[in-house]
Amino acid sequence: MRKLVNFILFVAAAVGISWFMREYLVPQPESPTSSPPPFRPAPEPRTQPEPIDPPEQSQPASNVEPEDDLTRVTGIGPVFAKRLAAAGFASFADLAAANAGELADKVDVAESKVTDWITQAADLT
């Protein structure tokens, strides 16, 4: 029992000594003795580049009709729309006025399908 008490006293003394000497044993952060560094000056504002004039876009002639979206017709997709445009049919009015037999030959499509396109185009004009 006496050995246990001596051990506890020894540990207590070691803890006490280290507690009082903590300022010497553990390095403390140094307090700043000089003034903080000055702030950097604000950067100069960037100048905006001069706007470039957009190229003049040619206005479509007033007598030219704008092209219709032929893909609105059921059965005409992007491929057939390109074929029709290559054949000279760019609007619903052109398609509605076409002859089914001649158009079928130009576009390489069945005449029954072209007849359906013509009736739909007539409804859309």
N, C-alpha and C. Protein backbone atom coordinates (compact mmCIF):
# COMPACT_ATOMS: atom_id res chain seq x y z
N MET A 1 0.82 -1.17 0.00
CA MET A 1 0.00 0.00 0.00
C MET A 1 0.87 1.25 0.00
N ARG A 2 1.92 1.19 0.67
CA ARG A 2 2.81 2.34 0.76
C ARG A 2 3.40 2.63 -0.63
N LYS A 3 3.69 1.59 -1.42
CA LYS A 3 4.23 1.78 -2.75
C LYS A 3 3.20 2.48 -3.66
N LEU A 4 1.96 2.15 -3.49
CA LEU A 4 0.89 2.76 -4.29
C LEU A 4 0.77 4.24 -3.98
N VAL A 5 0.83 4.61 -2.72
CA VAL A 5 0.74 6.01 -2.32
C VAL A 5 1.94 6.77 -2.84
N ASN A 6 3.13 6.17 -2.76
CA ASN A 6 4.33 6.84 -3.27
C ASN A 6 4.21 7.06 -4.80
N PHE A 7 3.68 6.08 -5.52
CA PHE A 7 3.51 6.21 -6.96
C PHE A 7 2.53 7.33 -7.30
N ILE A 8 1.42 7.41 -6.59
CA ILE A 8 0.42 8.45 -6.84
C ILE A 8 1.01 9.82 -6.55
N LEU A 9 1.76 9.95 -5.49
CA LEU A 9 2.40 11.23 -5.16
C LEU A 9 3.42 11.62 -6.24
N PHE A 10 4.16 10.64 -6.73
CA PHE A 10 5.14 10.91 -7.77
C PHE A 10 4.45 11.42 -9.05
N VAL A 11 3.37 10.77 -9.43
CA VAL A 11 2.63 11.18 -10.63
C VAL A 11 2.03 12.57 -10.42
N ALA A 12 1.48 12.84 -9.27
CA ALA A 12 0.88 14.14 -8.98
C ALA A 12 1.94 15.24 -9.04
N ALA A 13 3.12 14.95 -8.51
CA ALA A 13 4.19 15.95 -8.53
C ALA A 13 4.64 16.21 -9.96
N ALA A 14 4.73 15.17 -10.79
CA ALA A 14 5.15 15.35 -12.18
C ALA A 14 4.12 16.17 -12.95
N VAL A 15 2.85 15.93 -12.73
CA VAL A 15 1.78 16.69 -13.39
C VAL A 15 1.82 18.13 -12.91
N GLY A 16 2.00 18.36 -11.65
CA GLY A 16 2.03 19.72 -11.12
C GLY A 16 3.19 20.51 -11.67
N ILE A 17 4.36 19.88 -11.72
CA ILE A 17 5.53 20.59 -12.23
C ILE A 17 5.34 20.91 -13.71
N SER A 18 4.83 19.97 -14.47
CA SER A 18 4.63 20.24 -15.89
C SER A 18 3.56 21.30 -16.11
N TRP A 19 2.55 21.36 -15.25
CA TRP A 19 1.51 22.38 -15.36
C TRP A 19 2.09 23.78 -15.15
N PHE A 20 2.95 23.91 -14.16
CA PHE A 20 3.53 25.22 -13.89
C PHE A 20 4.57 25.61 -14.94
N MET A 21 5.18 24.63 -15.59
CA MET A 21 6.22 24.92 -16.57
C MET A 21 5.68 24.84 -18.01
N ARG A 22 4.37 24.83 -18.19
CA ARG A 22 3.80 24.65 -19.52
C ARG A 22 4.20 25.78 -20.47
N GLU A 23 4.43 26.98 -19.93
CA GLU A 23 4.82 28.09 -20.79
C GLU A 23 6.22 27.86 -21.37
N TYR A 24 7.05 27.11 -20.64
CA TYR A 24 8.40 26.84 -21.12
C TYR A 24 8.46 25.56 -21.96
N LEU A 25 7.58 24.63 -21.68
CA LEU A 25 7.62 23.35 -22.37
C LEU A 25 6.89 23.40 -23.73
N VAL A 26 5.77 24.12 -23.80
CA VAL A 26 4.99 24.23 -25.03
C VAL A 26 5.21 25.62 -25.61
N PRO A 27 5.68 25.68 -26.85
CA PRO A 27 5.92 27.01 -27.43
C PRO A 27 4.60 27.74 -27.66
N GLN A 28 4.58 29.00 -27.30
CA GLN A 28 3.39 29.85 -27.47
C GLN A 28 3.55 30.66 -28.75
N PRO A 29 2.45 30.94 -29.40
CA PRO A 29 2.57 31.77 -30.60
C PRO A 29 3.05 33.17 -30.23
N GLU A 30 3.91 33.71 -31.07
CA GLU A 30 4.45 35.04 -30.78
C GLU A 30 3.41 36.10 -31.11
N SER A 31 3.36 37.08 -30.27
CA SER A 31 2.44 38.19 -30.55
C SER A 31 3.11 39.09 -31.57
N PRO A 32 2.33 39.64 -32.48
CA PRO A 32 2.94 40.49 -33.51
C PRO A 32 3.47 41.77 -32.89
N THR A 33 4.72 42.07 -33.20
CA THR A 33 5.33 43.29 -32.66
C THR A 33 5.32 44.39 -33.71
N SER A 34 5.21 44.02 -34.99
CA SER A 34 5.19 45.04 -36.03
C SER A 34 3.76 45.22 -36.53
N SER A 35 3.57 46.28 -37.27
CA SER A 35 2.24 46.54 -37.81
C SER A 35 1.96 45.56 -38.95
N PRO A 36 0.70 45.28 -39.19
CA PRO A 36 0.38 44.35 -40.27
C PRO A 36 0.77 44.95 -41.62
N PRO A 37 1.01 44.11 -42.61
CA PRO A 37 1.41 44.63 -43.92
C PRO A 37 0.29 45.47 -44.52
N PRO A 38 0.63 46.49 -45.28
CA PRO A 38 -0.41 47.34 -45.87
C PRO A 38 -1.17 46.56 -46.94
N PHE A 39 -2.39 47.00 -47.15
CA PHE A 39 -3.22 46.37 -48.17
C PHE A 39 -2.70 46.76 -49.55
N ARG A 40 -2.93 45.85 -50.49
CA ARG A 40 -2.55 46.17 -51.86
C ARG A 40 -3.52 47.20 -52.40
N PRO A 41 -3.05 48.08 -53.24
CA PRO A 41 -3.99 49.04 -53.82
C PRO A 41 -4.94 48.32 -54.76
N ALA A 42 -6.09 48.88 -54.90
CA ALA A 42 -7.10 48.28 -55.78
C ALA A 42 -6.58 48.30 -57.22
N PRO A 43 -6.83 47.22 -57.95
CA PRO A 43 -6.36 47.20 -59.33
C PRO A 43 -7.10 48.23 -60.17
N GLU A 44 -6.43 48.68 -61.20
CA GLU A 44 -7.05 49.65 -62.09
C GLU A 44 -8.25 49.01 -62.78
N PRO A 45 -9.33 49.74 -62.93
CA PRO A 45 -10.50 49.14 -63.61
C PRO A 45 -10.16 48.87 -65.07
N ARG A 46 -10.63 47.74 -65.52
CA ARG A 46 -10.39 47.36 -66.91
C ARG A 46 -11.29 48.19 -67.82
N THR A 47 -10.72 48.57 -68.90
CA THR A 47 -11.53 49.32 -69.86
C THR A 47 -12.28 48.33 -70.74
N GLN A 48 -13.49 48.65 -71.03
CA GLN A 48 -14.30 47.80 -71.87
C GLN A 48 -13.87 47.98 -73.32
N PRO A 49 -13.71 46.88 -74.04
CA PRO A 49 -13.35 47.03 -75.45
C PRO A 49 -14.49 47.68 -76.21
N GLU A 50 -14.12 48.38 -77.23
CA GLU A 50 -15.15 49.04 -78.02
C GLU A 50 -15.99 47.99 -78.73
N PRO A 51 -17.30 48.16 -78.74
CA PRO A 51 -18.14 47.16 -79.39
C PRO A 51 -17.89 47.15 -80.90
N ILE A 52 -17.86 45.96 -81.40
CA ILE A 52 -17.67 45.78 -82.83
C ILE A 52 -19.03 45.86 -83.50
N ASP A 53 -19.09 46.65 -84.54
CA ASP A 53 -20.36 46.78 -85.26
C ASP A 53 -20.70 45.44 -85.90
N PRO A 54 -21.91 44.94 -85.68
CA PRO A 54 -22.26 43.67 -86.31
C PRO A 54 -22.33 43.84 -87.81
N PRO A 55 -21.98 42.80 -88.53
CA PRO A 55 -22.06 42.92 -89.99
C PRO A 55 -23.50 43.15 -90.43
N GLU A 56 -23.63 43.95 -91.43
CA GLU A 56 -24.97 44.25 -91.90
C GLU A 56 -25.58 43.01 -92.51
N GLN A 57 -26.75 42.70 -92.04
CA GLN A 57 -27.44 41.53 -92.55
C GLN A 57 -28.35 41.97 -93.69
N SER A 58 -28.29 41.20 -94.73
CA SER A 58 -29.13 41.55 -95.86
C SER A 58 -30.57 41.20 -95.53
N GLN A 59 -31.43 42.14 -95.79
CA GLN A 59 -32.84 41.94 -95.55
C GLN A 59 -33.41 41.15 -96.72
N PRO A 60 -34.25 40.16 -96.43
CA PRO A 60 -34.85 39.42 -97.55
C PRO A 60 -35.75 40.35 -98.36
N ALA A 61 -35.76 40.10 -99.63
CA ALA A 61 -36.61 40.92 -100.50
C ALA A 61 -38.07 40.73 -100.10
N SER A 62 -38.83 41.79 -100.25
CA SER A 62 -40.23 41.72 -99.80
C SER A 62 -41.07 40.82 -100.69
N ASN A 63 -40.64 40.58 -101.94
CA ASN A 63 -41.44 39.74 -102.81
C ASN A 63 -41.15 38.25 -102.62
N VAL A 64 -40.13 37.91 -101.82
CA VAL A 64 -39.81 36.51 -101.58
C VAL A 64 -40.53 36.05 -100.32
N GLU A 65 -41.26 34.97 -100.43
CA GLU A 65 -41.99 34.45 -99.27
C GLU A 65 -41.06 33.68 -98.37
N PRO A 66 -41.23 33.78 -97.05
CA PRO A 66 -40.39 33.00 -96.17
C PRO A 66 -40.74 31.52 -96.31
N GLU A 67 -39.74 30.68 -96.09
CA GLU A 67 -39.97 29.25 -96.22
C GLU A 67 -40.81 28.74 -95.05
N ASP A 68 -41.69 27.81 -95.37
CA ASP A 68 -42.49 27.17 -94.33
C ASP A 68 -41.75 25.96 -93.81
N ASP A 69 -42.11 25.54 -92.60
CA ASP A 69 -41.53 24.33 -92.02
C ASP A 69 -42.32 23.13 -92.54
N LEU A 70 -41.79 22.51 -93.57
CA LEU A 70 -42.51 21.41 -94.21
C LEU A 70 -42.59 20.17 -93.32
N THR A 71 -41.79 20.13 -92.27
CA THR A 71 -41.85 18.96 -91.38
C THR A 71 -43.13 18.97 -90.54
N ARG A 72 -43.91 20.05 -90.61
CA ARG A 72 -45.20 20.05 -89.91
C ARG A 72 -46.20 19.13 -90.59
N VAL A 73 -45.95 18.81 -91.84
CA VAL A 73 -46.81 17.87 -92.58
C VAL A 73 -46.47 16.46 -92.12
N THR A 74 -47.49 15.70 -91.76
CA THR A 74 -47.28 14.33 -91.31
C THR A 74 -46.67 13.51 -92.44
N GLY A 75 -45.55 12.87 -92.15
CA GLY A 75 -44.88 12.04 -93.14
C GLY A 75 -43.66 12.71 -93.75
N ILE A 76 -43.51 14.01 -93.53
CA ILE A 76 -42.33 14.71 -94.04
C ILE A 76 -41.39 14.96 -92.86
N GLY A 77 -40.24 14.34 -92.93
CA GLY A 77 -39.21 14.55 -91.92
C GLY A 77 -38.11 15.42 -92.49
N PRO A 78 -36.99 15.53 -91.79
CA PRO A 78 -35.90 16.39 -92.29
C PRO A 78 -35.36 15.93 -93.65
N VAL A 79 -35.31 14.63 -93.88
CA VAL A 79 -34.76 14.13 -95.15
C VAL A 79 -35.68 14.50 -96.31
N PHE A 80 -36.98 14.24 -96.16
CA PHE A 80 -37.91 14.57 -97.24
C PHE A 80 -38.03 16.09 -97.41
N ALA A 81 -37.89 16.85 -96.32
CA ALA A 81 -37.94 18.31 -96.43
C ALA A 81 -36.77 18.81 -97.28
N LYS A 82 -35.59 18.20 -97.11
CA LYS A 82 -34.44 18.59 -97.93
C LYS A 82 -34.65 18.20 -99.39
N ARG A 83 -35.23 17.03 -99.60
CA ARG A 83 -35.51 16.61 -100.99
C ARG A 83 -36.51 17.55 -101.65
N LEU A 84 -37.54 17.95 -100.90
CA LEU A 84 -38.53 18.86 -101.46
C LEU A 84 -37.92 20.22 -101.76
N ALA A 85 -37.06 20.71 -100.86
CA ALA A 85 -36.41 22.00 -101.09
C ALA A 85 -35.50 21.94 -102.31
N ALA A 86 -34.81 20.81 -102.48
CA ALA A 86 -33.94 20.65 -103.65
C ALA A 86 -34.76 20.61 -104.94
N ALA A 87 -35.99 20.11 -104.84
CA ALA A 87 -36.86 20.04 -106.02
C ALA A 87 -37.58 21.37 -106.26
N GLY A 88 -37.44 22.34 -105.35
CA GLY A 88 -38.03 23.66 -105.54
C GLY A 88 -39.33 23.88 -104.79
N PHE A 89 -39.63 23.04 -103.82
CA PHE A 89 -40.86 23.19 -103.02
C PHE A 89 -40.46 23.59 -101.60
N ALA A 90 -40.56 24.89 -101.31
CA ALA A 90 -40.11 25.40 -100.02
C ALA A 90 -41.25 25.87 -99.13
N SER A 91 -42.46 25.94 -99.67
CA SER A 91 -43.57 26.43 -98.86
C SER A 91 -44.77 25.52 -99.02
N PHE A 92 -45.74 25.73 -98.13
CA PHE A 92 -46.96 24.94 -98.19
C PHE A 92 -47.73 25.24 -99.49
N ALA A 93 -47.67 26.50 -99.93
CA ALA A 93 -48.38 26.87 -101.16
C ALA A 93 -47.77 26.16 -102.36
N ASP A 94 -46.43 26.07 -102.40
CA ASP A 94 -45.77 25.35 -103.50
C ASP A 94 -46.19 23.88 -103.51
N LEU A 95 -46.21 23.31 -102.33
CA LEU A 95 -46.56 21.89 -102.21
C LEU A 95 -48.02 21.65 -102.56
N ALA A 96 -48.90 22.55 -102.14
CA ALA A 96 -50.33 22.38 -102.42
C ALA A 96 -50.64 22.51 -103.90
N ALA A 97 -49.83 23.29 -104.62
CA ALA A 97 -50.08 23.51 -106.05
C ALA A 97 -49.38 22.48 -106.93
N ALA A 98 -48.67 21.55 -106.33
CA ALA A 98 -47.87 20.58 -107.10
C ALA A 98 -48.74 19.48 -107.70
N ASN A 99 -48.22 18.88 -108.76
CA ASN A 99 -48.85 17.71 -109.36
C ASN A 99 -48.28 16.49 -108.66
N ALA A 100 -49.13 15.61 -108.18
CA ALA A 100 -48.69 14.48 -107.35
C ALA A 100 -47.75 13.55 -108.12
N GLY A 101 -48.04 13.28 -109.36
CA GLY A 101 -47.21 12.36 -110.14
C GLY A 101 -45.82 12.90 -110.38
N GLU A 102 -45.72 14.18 -110.78
CA GLU A 102 -44.42 14.80 -111.05
C GLU A 102 -43.60 14.93 -109.76
N LEU A 103 -44.27 15.31 -108.67
CA LEU A 103 -43.57 15.47 -107.40
C LEU A 103 -43.06 14.13 -106.90
N ALA A 104 -43.84 13.08 -107.05
CA ALA A 104 -43.42 11.75 -106.62
C ALA A 104 -42.17 11.32 -107.37
N ASP A 105 -42.08 11.64 -108.68
CA ASP A 105 -40.90 11.29 -109.46
C ASP A 105 -39.67 12.10 -109.02
N LYS A 106 -39.87 13.39 -108.74
CA LYS A 106 -38.75 14.25 -108.35
C LYS A 106 -38.18 13.88 -106.98
N VAL A 107 -39.07 13.52 -106.05
CA VAL A 107 -38.64 13.28 -104.68
C VAL A 107 -38.37 11.80 -104.42
N ASP A 108 -38.79 10.95 -105.37
CA ASP A 108 -38.61 9.49 -105.26
C ASP A 108 -39.39 8.93 -104.06
N VAL A 109 -40.70 9.22 -104.08
CA VAL A 109 -41.62 8.76 -103.04
C VAL A 109 -42.87 8.24 -103.74
N ALA A 110 -43.60 7.37 -103.06
CA ALA A 110 -44.84 6.83 -103.62
C ALA A 110 -45.84 7.96 -103.85
N GLU A 111 -46.60 7.84 -104.93
CA GLU A 111 -47.56 8.89 -105.29
C GLU A 111 -48.66 9.03 -104.25
N SER A 112 -49.06 7.93 -103.60
CA SER A 112 -50.11 8.02 -102.57
C SER A 112 -49.64 8.86 -101.39
N LYS A 113 -48.38 8.74 -101.05
CA LYS A 113 -47.83 9.53 -99.95
C LYS A 113 -47.78 11.00 -100.32
N VAL A 114 -47.39 11.29 -101.56
CA VAL A 114 -47.32 12.68 -102.02
C VAL A 114 -48.71 13.30 -102.08
N THR A 115 -49.71 12.53 -102.46
CA THR A 115 -51.08 13.03 -102.49
C THR A 115 -51.53 13.44 -101.09
N ASP A 116 -51.16 12.64 -100.10
CA ASP A 116 -51.49 12.98 -98.71
C ASP A 116 -50.78 14.26 -98.28
N TRP A 117 -49.52 14.43 -98.68
CA TRP A 117 -48.77 15.64 -98.35
C TRP A 117 -49.43 16.87 -98.96
N ILE A 118 -49.88 16.72 -100.20
CA ILE A 118 -50.49 17.85 -100.91
C ILE A 118 -51.78 18.29 -100.22
N THR A 119 -52.59 17.34 -99.77
CA THR A 119 -53.84 17.71 -99.08
C THR A 119 -53.54 18.35 -97.73
N GLN A 120 -52.55 17.85 -97.02
CA GLN A 120 -52.19 18.46 -95.74
C GLN A 120 -51.63 19.87 -95.93
N ALA A 121 -50.81 20.05 -96.98
CA ALA A 121 -50.23 21.37 -97.26
C ALA A 121 -51.34 22.36 -97.64
N ALA A 122 -52.36 21.88 -98.34
CA ALA A 122 -53.48 22.77 -98.69
C ALA A 122 -54.23 23.22 -97.44
N ASP A 123 -54.32 22.32 -96.45
CA ASP A 123 -54.98 22.69 -95.20
C ASP A 123 -54.16 23.70 -94.39
N LEU A 124 -52.84 23.63 -94.51
CA LEU A 124 -51.96 24.52 -93.74
C LEU A 124 -51.77 25.89 -94.38
N THR A 125 -52.15 26.07 -95.64
CA THR A 125 -51.98 27.38 -96.27
C THR A 125 -53.09 28.33 -95.87
